[in-house]
Amino acid sequence: PPKAAATSARMAEPTWFEDMAKRVREVQRDEAGHLTTESYLHVCEGNLKIFTVIFNGYVTAEVGRQLAAANENGQSIVRKDSEKVGAAGKTLVSLVKHQVAETGVEKLGTPGETSGTKSLLWLNRELTFICKLIRLLISGREASEAGYEAYDTVIKPYHAWIVQKFVGNAVGYVPTIEQLLPLLGISSREVGEGLGKTFCDSMEPLTAEVLALLDAEGAHFQGTP
């Protein structure tokens, strides 16, 4: 019957963890092995869905909305800049090299300046933050501790004081692993931990590679956005 078919189709839908791991597996490279801009943005796009799940409480929903908006805005800046420079925008490294050569590291890193390079850095920080948070939660860390630690190590140093207060408060209210898994359509902790570990194991080398690429070009900016 149609109803049963619809139910089984829903059940067959990949979880967020599986979708993200698949996006990482599908990342493409050019002949020289450099990450393509569009396939990396495809990973960042998947990350968009998790913010309103993790920040879904009365205190935290606004942070979830703002992170999701920043993600979409960051992707759009990278796309616009990569289209503008044509062939140089095809890979992350060539886009960053082009912008560093054209504009200079100091101006690119100035708070308030927008560029594809800076947006890549922040999109990568968002992926790193989520990955660290998931890793801590599945390792058994208490939810608020996991939220504080992930934020403190990955993003807080680059946020202005007022933003630190706002986001720093919200990360203390992230869901426990028991609360999070059902929100992601995962019924058991054992299955969830396995999927979460696979997600982290695939994502961590990618975010490390992108950070190293930015760092090598002097584009690991230490200031606020």
C-alpha atoms as a PDB file:
ATOM      1  CA  PRO A   1       0.000   0.000   0.000  1.00  0.00           C
ATOM      2  CA  PRO A   2       1.133   3.614  -0.635  1.00  0.00           C
ATOM      3  CA  LYS A   3       1.238   4.440   3.082  1.00  0.00           C
ATOM      4  CA  ALA A   4       3.623   1.541   3.813  1.00  0.00           C
ATOM      5  CA  ALA A   5       5.791   2.539   0.840  1.00  0.00           C
ATOM      6  CA  ALA A   6       6.010   6.111   2.121  1.00  0.00           C
ATOM      7  CA  THR A   7       6.966   4.861   5.581  1.00  0.00           C
ATOM      8  CA  SER A   8       9.701   2.580   4.270  1.00  0.00           C
ATOM      9  CA  ALA A   9      11.015   5.396   2.041  1.00  0.00           C
ATOM     10  CA  ARG A  10      11.250   7.601   5.114  1.00  0.00           C
ATOM     11  CA  MET A  11      13.025   4.859   7.030  1.00  0.00           C
ATOM     12  CA  ALA A  12      15.499   4.473   4.175  1.00  0.00           C
ATOM     13  CA  GLU A  13      16.453   8.156   4.262  1.00  0.00           C
ATOM     14  CA  PRO A  14      20.037   8.562   5.457  1.00  0.00           C
ATOM     15  CA  THR A  15      20.591  10.130   8.854  1.00  0.00           C
ATOM     16  CA  TRP A  16      22.411  13.462   9.061  1.00  0.00           C
ATOM     17  CA  PHE A  17      25.602  11.612  10.076  1.00  0.00           C
ATOM     18  CA  GLU A  18      25.365   9.344   7.030  1.00  0.00           C
ATOM     19  CA  ASP A  19      24.535  12.233   4.707  1.00  0.00           C
ATOM     20  CA  MET A  20      27.577  14.197   5.927  1.00  0.00           C
ATOM     21  CA  ALA A  21      29.931  11.205   5.684  1.00  0.00           C
ATOM     22  CA  LYS A  22      28.677  10.668   2.109  1.00  0.00           C
ATOM     23  CA  ARG A  23      29.281  14.326   1.234  1.00  0.00           C
ATOM     24  CA  VAL A  24      32.861  13.985   2.499  1.00  0.00           C
ATOM     25  CA  ARG A  25      33.367  10.792   0.461  1.00  0.00           C
ATOM     26  CA  GLU A  26      32.095  12.624  -2.627  1.00  0.00           C
ATOM     27  CA  VAL A  27      34.558  15.517  -2.287  1.00  0.00           C
ATOM     28  CA  GLN A  28      36.377  15.977  -5.579  1.00  0.00           C
ATOM     29  CA  ARG A  29      39.914  16.990  -6.467  1.00  0.00           C
ATOM     30  CA  ASP A  30      41.637  18.258  -9.577  1.00  0.00           C
ATOM     31  CA  GLU A  31      44.496  16.405 -11.310  1.00  0.00           C
ATOM     32  CA  ALA A  32      46.962  17.878  -8.791  1.00  0.00           C
ATOM     33  CA  GLY A  33      44.890  16.548  -5.874  1.00  0.00           C
ATOM     34  CA  HIS A  34      43.531  19.949  -4.804  1.00  0.00           C
ATOM     35  CA  LEU A  35      40.036  20.106  -3.282  1.00  0.00           C
ATOM     36  CA  THR A  36      37.432  21.576  -5.623  1.00  0.00           C
ATOM     37  CA  THR A  37      35.562  24.573  -4.296  1.00  0.00           C
ATOM     38  CA  GLU A  38      32.092  23.355  -5.233  1.00  0.00           C
ATOM     39  CA  SER A  39      32.455  19.903  -3.678  1.00  0.00           C
ATOM     40  CA  TYR A  40      33.777  21.401  -0.418  1.00  0.00           C
ATOM     41  CA  LEU A  41      30.813  23.806  -0.335  1.00  0.00           C
ATOM     42  CA  HIS A  42      28.557  20.756  -0.782  1.00  0.00           C
ATOM     43  CA  VAL A  43      29.926  19.497   2.572  1.00  0.00           C
ATOM     44  CA  CYS A  44      29.372  22.908   4.207  1.00  0.00           C
ATOM     45  CA  GLU A  45      25.808  22.959   2.874  1.00  0.00           C
ATOM     46  CA  GLY A  46      25.086  19.684   4.697  1.00  0.00           C
ATOM     47  CA  ASN A  47      26.309  21.226   7.949  1.00  0.00           C
ATOM     48  CA  LEU A  48      23.538  23.821   7.658  1.00  0.00           C
ATOM     49  CA  LYS A  49      20.910  21.313   8.804  1.00  0.00           C
ATOM     50  CA  ILE A  50      22.470  20.612  12.195  1.00  0.00           C
ATOM     51  CA  PHE A  51      22.478  24.115  13.707  1.00  0.00           C
ATOM     52  CA  THR A  52      18.738  24.346  14.337  1.00  0.00           C
ATOM     53  CA  VAL A  53      18.771  20.773  15.720  1.00  0.00           C
ATOM     54  CA  ILE A  54      21.569  21.409  18.217  1.00  0.00           C
ATOM     55  CA  PHE A  55      20.376  24.910  19.097  1.00  0.00           C
ATOM     56  CA  ASN A  56      16.645  24.256  19.368  1.00  0.00           C
ATOM     57  CA  GLY A  57      15.759  25.491  22.856  1.00  0.00           C
ATOM     58  CA  TYR A  58      14.129  28.699  24.001  1.00  0.00           C
ATOM     59  CA  VAL A  59      17.500  30.198  24.942  1.00  0.00           C
ATOM     60  CA  THR A  60      19.427  28.829  21.990  1.00  0.00           C
ATOM     61  CA  ALA A  61      17.166  28.908  18.895  1.00  0.00           C
ATOM     62  CA  GLU A  62      18.353  32.385  17.894  1.00  0.00           C
ATOM     63  CA  VAL A  63      21.983  31.189  17.895  1.00  0.00           C
ATOM     64  CA  GLY A  64      20.965  28.257  15.680  1.00  0.00           C
ATOM     65  CA  ARG A  65      19.274  30.618  13.242  1.00  0.00           C
ATOM     66  CA  GLN A  66      22.253  32.973  13.185  1.00  0.00           C
ATOM     67  CA  LEU A  67      24.755  30.155  12.600  1.00  0.00           C
ATOM     68  CA  ALA A  68      22.601  28.789   9.771  1.00  0.00           C
ATOM     69  CA  ALA A  69      22.359  32.269   8.212  1.00  0.00           C
ATOM     70  CA  ALA A  70      26.137  32.763   8.523  1.00  0.00           C
ATOM     71  CA  ASN A  71      26.693  29.397   6.844  1.00  0.00           C
ATOM     72  CA  GLU A  72      24.442  30.290   3.892  1.00  0.00           C
ATOM     73  CA  ASN A  73      25.997  33.741   3.592  1.00  0.00           C
ATOM     74  CA  GLY A  74      29.516  32.262   3.722  1.00  0.00           C
ATOM     75  CA  GLN A  75      28.744  29.772   0.975  1.00  0.00           C
ATOM     76  CA  SER A  76      27.286  32.493  -1.209  1.00  0.00           C
ATOM     77  CA  ILE A  77      30.381  34.731  -0.774  1.00  0.00           C
ATOM     78  CA  VAL A  78      32.704  31.847  -1.704  1.00  0.00           C
ATOM     79  CA  ARG A  79      30.591  31.000  -4.782  1.00  0.00           C
ATOM     80  CA  LYS A  80      30.427  34.625  -5.903  1.00  0.00           C
ATOM     81  CA  ASP A  81      34.177  35.137  -5.494  1.00  0.00           C
ATOM     82  CA  SER A  82      35.086  31.865  -7.187  1.00  0.00           C
ATOM     83  CA  GLU A  83      32.841  32.671 -10.169  1.00  0.00           C
ATOM     84  CA  LYS A  84      34.397  36.135 -10.400  1.00  0.00           C
ATOM     85  CA  VAL A  85      37.930  34.763 -10.796  1.00  0.00           C
ATOM     86  CA  GLY A  86      37.014  32.000 -13.259  1.00  0.00           C
ATOM     87  CA  ALA A  87      39.507  29.113 -13.450  1.00  0.00           C
ATOM     88  CA  ALA A  88      41.319  30.337 -10.322  1.00  0.00           C
ATOM     89  CA  GLY A  89      38.139  29.720  -8.345  1.00  0.00           C
ATOM     90  CA  LYS A  90      37.829  26.039  -9.223  1.00  0.00           C
ATOM     91  CA  THR A  91      39.876  24.798  -6.258  1.00  0.00           C
ATOM     92  CA  LEU A  92      40.105  26.103  -2.698  1.00  0.00           C
ATOM     93  CA  VAL A  93      43.871  26.566  -2.852  1.00  0.00           C
ATOM     94  CA  SER A  94      43.823  28.496  -6.140  1.00  0.00           C
ATOM     95  CA  LEU A  95      40.999  30.761  -4.921  1.00  0.00           C
ATOM     96  CA  VAL A  96      42.855  31.537  -1.684  1.00  0.00           C
ATOM     97  CA  LYS A  97      46.199  32.080  -3.477  1.00  0.00           C
ATOM     98  CA  HIS A  98      44.489  34.404  -5.971  1.00  0.00           C
ATOM     99  CA  GLN A  99      42.827  36.500  -3.258  1.00  0.00           C
ATOM    100  CA  VAL A 100      45.959  36.666  -1.113  1.00  0.00           C
ATOM    101  CA  ALA A 101      48.007  37.818  -4.115  1.00  0.00           C
ATOM    102  CA  GLU A 102      45.380  40.327  -5.224  1.00  0.00           C
ATOM    103  CA  THR A 103      44.288  41.850  -1.912  1.00  0.00           C
ATOM    104  CA  GLY A 104      46.993  40.951   0.610  1.00  0.00           C
ATOM    105  CA  VAL A 105      46.682  38.993   3.836  1.00  0.00           C
ATOM    106  CA  GLU A 106      46.383  42.020   6.089  1.00  0.00           C
ATOM    107  CA  LYS A 107      43.365  43.485   4.303  1.00  0.00           C
ATOM    108  CA  LEU A 108      41.695  40.069   3.863  1.00  0.00           C
ATOM    109  CA  GLY A 109      42.013  39.430   7.601  1.00  0.00           C
ATOM    110  CA  THR A 110      40.701  42.833   8.707  1.00  0.00           C
ATOM    111  CA  PRO A 111      37.535  42.523  10.842  1.00  0.00           C
ATOM    112  CA  GLY A 112      34.505  43.532   8.767  1.00  0.00           C
ATOM    113  CA  GLU A 113      36.155  42.684   5.429  1.00  0.00           C
ATOM    114  CA  THR A 114      34.337  39.960   3.495  1.00  0.00           C
ATOM    115  CA  SER A 115      35.977  37.557   1.057  1.00  0.00           C
ATOM    116  CA  GLY A 116      35.714  33.985  -0.133  1.00  0.00           C
ATOM    117  CA  THR A 117      38.954  33.259   1.719  1.00  0.00           C
ATOM    118  CA  LYS A 118      37.640  34.503   5.056  1.00  0.00           C
ATOM    119  CA  SER A 119      34.323  32.733   4.489  1.00  0.00           C
ATOM    120  CA  LEU A 120      36.146  29.439   3.858  1.00  0.00           C
ATOM    121  CA  LEU A 121      37.948  29.874   7.172  1.00  0.00           C
ATOM    122  CA  TRP A 122      34.662  30.399   9.045  1.00  0.00           C
ATOM    123  CA  LEU A 123      32.805  27.605   7.233  1.00  0.00           C
ATOM    124  CA  ASN A 124      35.675  25.307   8.168  1.00  0.00           C
ATOM    125  CA  ARG A 125      35.549  26.461  11.791  1.00  0.00           C
ATOM    126  CA  GLU A 126      31.824  25.668  11.878  1.00  0.00           C
ATOM    127  CA  LEU A 127      32.464  22.142  10.564  1.00  0.00           C
ATOM    128  CA  THR A 128      35.299  21.704  13.080  1.00  0.00           C
ATOM    129  CA  PHE A 129      33.106  22.931  15.955  1.00  0.00           C
ATOM    130  CA  ILE A 130      30.239  20.543  15.126  1.00  0.00           C
ATOM    131  CA  CYS A 131      32.647  17.653  14.668  1.00  0.00           C
ATOM    132  CA  LYS A 132      34.358  18.317  18.011  1.00  0.00           C
ATOM    133  CA  LEU A 133      31.004  18.648  19.769  1.00  0.00           C
ATOM    134  CA  ILE A 134      29.771  15.312  18.355  1.00  0.00           C
ATOM    135  CA  ARG A 135      33.069  13.609  19.212  1.00  0.00           C
ATOM    136  CA  LEU A 136      32.813  14.824  22.824  1.00  0.00           C
ATOM    137  CA  LEU A 137      29.132  13.843  23.153  1.00  0.00           C
ATOM    138  CA  ILE A 138      29.658  10.292  21.866  1.00  0.00           C
ATOM    139  CA  SER A 139      32.696   9.906  24.123  1.00  0.00           C
ATOM    140  CA  GLY A 140      30.340  10.356  27.095  1.00  0.00           C
ATOM    141  CA  ARG A 141      31.124  13.975  27.972  1.00  0.00           C
ATOM    142  CA  GLU A 142      28.331  15.784  29.793  1.00  0.00           C
ATOM    143  CA  ALA A 143      26.411  17.944  27.277  1.00  0.00           C
ATOM    144  CA  SER A 144      27.113  21.426  28.652  1.00  0.00           C
ATOM    145  CA  GLU A 145      30.822  20.578  29.151  1.00  0.00           C
ATOM    146  CA  ALA A 146      31.008  19.300  25.574  1.00  0.00           C
ATOM    147  CA  GLY A 147      29.353  22.499  24.311  1.00  0.00           C
ATOM    148  CA  TYR A 148      31.703  24.765  26.260  1.00  0.00           C
ATOM    149  CA  GLU A 149      34.842  22.835  25.292  1.00  0.00           C
ATOM    150  CA  ALA A 150      34.004  22.691  21.579  1.00  0.00           C
ATOM    151  CA  TYR A 151      33.192  26.411  21.512  1.00  0.00           C
ATOM    152  CA  ASP A 152      36.156  27.475  23.670  1.00  0.00           C
ATOM    153  CA  THR A 153      38.717  25.611  21.564  1.00  0.00           C
ATOM    154  CA  VAL A 154      37.394  26.145  18.036  1.00  0.00           C
ATOM    155  CA  ILE A 155      35.474  29.428  17.777  1.00  0.00           C
ATOM    156  CA  LYS A 156      35.509  31.548  20.950  1.00  0.00           C
ATOM    157  CA  PRO A 157      39.041  32.999  20.425  1.00  0.00           C
ATOM    158  CA  TYR A 158      37.817  34.636  17.205  1.00  0.00           C
ATOM    159  CA  HIS A 159      34.537  36.059  18.526  1.00  0.00           C
ATOM    160  CA  ALA A 160      34.144  39.569  19.901  1.00  0.00           C
ATOM    161  CA  TRP A 161      33.387  39.730  23.639  1.00  0.00           C
ATOM    162  CA  ILE A 162      29.675  40.461  23.213  1.00  0.00           C
ATOM    163  CA  VAL A 163      29.283  37.510  20.828  1.00  0.00           C
ATOM    164  CA  GLN A 164      31.232  35.290  23.233  1.00  0.00           C
ATOM    165  CA  LYS A 165      28.671  36.066  25.949  1.00  0.00           C
ATOM    166  CA  PHE A 166      25.710  35.339  23.648  1.00  0.00           C
ATOM    167  CA  VAL A 167      27.009  32.151  22.010  1.00  0.00           C
ATOM    168  CA  GLY A 168      28.924  31.051  25.114  1.00  0.00           C
ATOM    169  CA  ASN A 169      25.648  30.962  27.032  1.00  0.00           C
ATOM    170  CA  ALA A 170      23.844  28.993  24.286  1.00  0.00           C
ATOM    171  CA  VAL A 171      26.473  26.245  23.982  1.00  0.00           C
ATOM    172  CA  GLY A 172      25.813  25.290  27.591  1.00  0.00           C
ATOM    173  CA  TYR A 173      22.329  24.157  26.527  1.00  0.00           C
ATOM    174  CA  VAL A 174      23.213  21.762  23.704  1.00  0.00           C
ATOM    175  CA  PRO A 175      21.230  18.497  23.868  1.00  0.00           C
ATOM    176  CA  THR A 176      22.607  15.383  25.518  1.00  0.00           C
ATOM    177  CA  ILE A 177      23.483  12.499  23.201  1.00  0.00           C
ATOM    178  CA  GLU A 178      20.248  10.772  24.331  1.00  0.00           C
ATOM    179  CA  GLN A 179      18.231  13.854  23.313  1.00  0.00           C
ATOM    180  CA  LEU A 180      20.158  14.467  20.082  1.00  0.00           C
ATOM    181  CA  LEU A 181      19.939  11.013  18.492  1.00  0.00           C
ATOM    182  CA  PRO A 182      16.100  10.859  18.251  1.00  0.00           C
ATOM    183  CA  LEU A 183      16.152  14.385  16.745  1.00  0.00           C
ATOM    184  CA  LEU A 184      18.377  12.918  14.018  1.00  0.00           C
ATOM    185  CA  GLY A 185      16.063   9.937  13.518  1.00  0.00           C
ATOM    186  CA  ILE A 186      18.395   7.474  15.276  1.00  0.00           C
ATOM    187  CA  SER A 187      16.714   5.052  17.650  1.00  0.00           C
ATOM    188  CA  SER A 188      19.578   3.573  19.661  1.00  0.00           C
ATOM    189  CA  ARG A 189      22.638   5.001  21.344  1.00  0.00           C
ATOM    190  CA  GLU A 190      24.802   2.158  20.055  1.00  0.00           C
ATOM    191  CA  VAL A 191      23.846   2.854  16.426  1.00  0.00           C
ATOM    192  CA  GLY A 192      24.150   6.608  16.980  1.00  0.00           C
ATOM    193  CA  GLU A 193      27.634   6.360  18.455  1.00  0.00           C
ATOM    194  CA  GLY A 194      28.777   4.216  15.518  1.00  0.00           C
ATOM    195  CA  LEU A 195      27.367   6.665  12.961  1.00  0.00           C
ATOM    196  CA  GLY A 196      28.755   9.632  14.906  1.00  0.00           C
ATOM    197  CA  LYS A 197      32.228   8.094  15.031  1.00  0.00           C
ATOM    198  CA  THR A 198      32.185   7.396  11.259  1.00  0.00           C
ATOM    199  CA  PHE A 199      31.125  11.016  10.662  1.00  0.00           C
ATOM    200  CA  CYS A 200      33.938  12.408  12.851  1.00  0.00           C
ATOM    201  CA  ASP A 201      36.553  10.027  11.404  1.00  0.00           C
ATOM    202  CA  SER A 202      35.723  11.199   7.873  1.00  0.00           C
ATOM    203  CA  MET A 203      35.291  14.913   8.661  1.00  0.00           C
ATOM    204  CA  GLU A 204      38.344  15.547  10.837  1.00  0.00           C
ATOM    205  CA  PRO A 205      40.978  14.952   8.109  1.00  0.00           C
ATOM    206  CA  LEU A 206      39.043  17.200   5.703  1.00  0.00           C
ATOM    207  CA  THR A 207      38.784  20.163   8.085  1.00  0.00           C
ATOM    208  CA  ALA A 208      42.455  19.705   9.057  1.00  0.00           C
ATOM    209  CA  GLU A 209      43.441  19.759   5.371  1.00  0.00           C
ATOM    210  CA  VAL A 210      41.476  22.962   4.704  1.00  0.00           C
ATOM    211  CA  LEU A 211      42.904  24.687   7.780  1.00  0.00           C
ATOM    212  CA  ALA A 212      46.454  23.675   6.747  1.00  0.00           C
ATOM    213  CA  LEU A 213      45.818  25.053   3.257  1.00  0.00           C
ATOM    214  CA  LEU A 214      44.613  28.395   4.665  1.00  0.00           C
ATOM    215  CA  ASP A 215      47.477  28.493   7.171  1.00  0.00           C
ATOM    216  CA  ALA A 216      50.066  27.898   4.441  1.00  0.00           C
ATOM    217  CA  GLU A 217      48.792  30.996   2.591  1.00  0.00           C
ATOM    218  CA  GLY A 218      48.773  33.157   5.736  1.00  0.00           C
ATOM    219  CA  ALA A 219      44.961  33.105   5.771  1.00  0.00           C
ATOM    220  CA  HIS A 220      44.343  31.562   9.210  1.00  0.00           C
ATOM    221  CA  PHE A 221      43.132  34.942  10.433  1.00  0.00           C
ATOM    222  CA  GLN A 222      43.116  35.404  14.204  1.00  0.00           C
ATOM    223  CA  GLY A 223      40.704  38.354  14.375  1.00  0.00           C
ATOM    224  CA  THR A 224      36.933  38.627  14.604  1.00  0.00           C
ATOM    225  CA  PRO A 225      34.846  38.191  11.422  1.00  0.00           C
END
